[in-house]
């Protein structure tokens, strides 16, 4: 906490002006997306890397928790996996509009599975 506060004060002192008010809302951009940046190649690379990161993270957590709970079928599928991917995908889209991080499966669920939950 001290490092964050010290870093903020140093940034204000050296690179930017010190704030003059507690809250200063100049322009609200809520639900005003700018899709012109999607024409850049680097934007597509970032979107693809985020997609792969979220996909592998959700897949790994889902398969790991399903195997731990004994729900993994012989063919490698898990019951309800479509609902998991759909809810994480829709949650990630909503969080992108709200300026938040993508939705992942929390691995703290493994502790509940270890204690007997399914």
Protein backbone atom coordinates (compact mmCIF):
# COMPACT_ATOMS: atom_id res chain seq x y z
CA UNK A 1 0.00 0.00 0.00
CA UNK A 2 2.82 2.37 0.85
CA UNK A 3 4.53 1.61 -2.46
CA UNK A 4 1.37 2.35 -4.44
CA UNK A 5 0.83 5.65 -2.63
CA UNK A 6 4.48 6.64 -3.01
CA UNK A 7 4.45 5.71 -6.70
CA UNK A 8 1.29 7.76 -7.27
CA UNK A 9 2.72 10.84 -5.55
CA UNK A 10 5.99 10.53 -7.48
CA UNK A 11 4.08 10.23 -10.76
CA UNK A 12 2.06 13.33 -9.96
CA UNK A 13 5.18 15.21 -8.95
CA UNK A 14 7.39 14.33 -11.94
CA UNK A 15 5.21 13.49 -14.90
CA UNK A 16 1.77 14.96 -14.39
CA UNK A 17 0.08 17.76 -12.54
CA UNK A 18 -1.25 17.18 -9.04
CA UNK A 19 -5.05 16.77 -8.98
CA UNK A 20 -7.02 19.87 -8.05
CA UNK A 21 -10.21 18.09 -6.98
CA UNK A 22 -11.19 14.73 -5.54
CA UNK A 23 -13.44 13.75 -8.48
CA UNK A 24 -13.20 15.29 -11.95
CA UNK A 25 -15.43 13.71 -14.58
CA UNK A 26 -14.72 15.47 -17.86
CA UNK A 27 -16.27 13.11 -20.35
CA UNK A 28 -18.21 9.92 -19.82
CA UNK A 29 -17.53 7.19 -22.37
CA UNK A 30 -19.93 4.61 -20.96
CA UNK A 31 -21.36 2.51 -23.82
CA UNK A 32 -19.60 4.64 -26.44
CA UNK A 33 -17.20 2.08 -27.92
CA UNK A 34 -14.65 3.09 -30.52
CA UNK A 35 -14.19 0.25 -32.99
CA UNK A 36 -11.67 2.10 -35.18
CA UNK A 37 -8.79 0.50 -33.26
CA UNK A 38 -9.97 -2.92 -34.46
CA UNK A 39 -8.64 -2.05 -37.91
CA UNK A 40 -5.09 -2.26 -36.56
CA UNK A 41 -3.25 -5.56 -36.79
CA UNK A 42 -1.97 -5.29 -33.22
CA UNK A 43 -5.53 -5.17 -31.90
CA UNK A 44 -6.35 -8.49 -33.51
CA UNK A 45 -3.19 -10.02 -32.05
CA UNK A 46 -4.19 -8.82 -28.58
CA UNK A 47 -7.73 -10.12 -28.98
CA UNK A 48 -6.46 -13.50 -30.18
CA UNK A 49 -4.00 -13.82 -27.31
CA UNK A 50 -6.73 -12.92 -24.80
CA UNK A 51 -9.06 -15.48 -26.40
CA UNK A 52 -6.46 -18.24 -26.18
CA UNK A 53 -5.54 -17.30 -22.61
CA UNK A 54 -9.16 -17.41 -21.45
CA UNK A 55 -9.94 -20.58 -23.40
CA UNK A 56 -6.99 -22.56 -22.04
CA UNK A 57 -7.51 -21.27 -18.51
CA UNK A 58 -11.19 -22.23 -18.46
CA UNK A 59 -10.48 -25.59 -20.13
CA UNK A 60 -7.72 -26.46 -17.69
CA UNK A 61 -9.77 -25.53 -14.64
CA UNK A 62 -12.87 -27.31 -15.94
CA UNK A 63 -11.06 -30.54 -16.81
CA UNK A 64 -9.04 -30.48 -13.59
CA UNK A 65 -12.07 -29.93 -11.37
CA UNK A 66 -14.16 -32.48 -13.29
CA UNK A 67 -11.40 -35.09 -12.98
CA UNK A 68 -11.05 -34.36 -9.27
CA UNK A 69 -14.81 -34.70 -8.75
CA UNK A 70 -14.99 -37.87 -10.82
CA UNK A 71 -17.26 -36.28 -13.44
CA UNK A 72 -14.96 -36.74 -16.44
CA UNK A 73 -16.49 -39.16 -18.96
CA UNK A 74 -14.62 -41.83 -20.93
CA UNK A 75 -14.53 -39.66 -24.07
CA UNK A 76 -13.04 -36.72 -22.12
CA UNK A 77 -16.20 -34.63 -22.00
CA UNK A 78 -17.77 -33.18 -18.89
CA UNK A 79 -21.47 -32.68 -18.21
CA UNK A 80 -22.48 -29.03 -18.40
CA UNK A 81 -19.32 -27.87 -20.15
CA UNK A 82 -21.32 -25.95 -22.76
CA UNK A 83 -22.99 -23.94 -20.01
CA UNK A 84 -19.60 -23.23 -18.43
CA UNK A 85 -18.08 -21.91 -21.67
CA UNK A 86 -21.22 -19.94 -22.53
CA UNK A 87 -21.49 -18.27 -19.13
CA UNK A 88 -17.77 -17.43 -19.06
CA UNK A 89 -17.96 -16.05 -22.61
CA UNK A 90 -21.01 -13.89 -21.96
CA UNK A 91 -19.53 -12.72 -18.66
CA UNK A 92 -16.31 -11.76 -20.43
CA UNK A 93 -18.20 -9.78 -23.08
CA UNK A 94 -20.16 -7.96 -20.38
CA UNK A 95 -17.02 -7.27 -18.37
CA UNK A 96 -15.34 -5.85 -21.48
CA UNK A 97 -18.16 -3.35 -21.90
CA UNK A 98 -17.85 -2.41 -18.23
CA UNK A 99 -14.06 -2.14 -18.36
CA UNK A 100 -13.33 -5.10 -16.13
CA UNK A 101 -11.20 -8.23 -16.41
CA UNK A 102 -12.36 -11.40 -18.19
CA UNK A 103 -14.27 -14.14 -16.38
CA UNK A 104 -12.31 -17.21 -15.30
CA UNK A 105 -13.14 -20.30 -13.30
CA UNK A 106 -11.83 -19.88 -9.78
CA UNK A 107 -9.59 -22.71 -8.69
CA UNK A 108 -10.79 -22.27 -5.12
CA UNK A 109 -13.57 -24.60 -6.24
CA UNK A 110 -11.00 -27.38 -6.05
CA UNK A 111 -10.92 -27.02 -2.25
CA UNK A 112 -14.67 -27.60 -2.10
CA UNK A 113 -14.39 -30.59 -4.40
CA UNK A 114 -11.60 -32.00 -2.24
CA UNK A 115 -13.93 -31.80 0.79
CA UNK A 116 -16.64 -33.77 -1.03
CA UNK A 117 -18.56 -31.19 -3.07
CA UNK A 118 -19.56 -31.82 -6.65
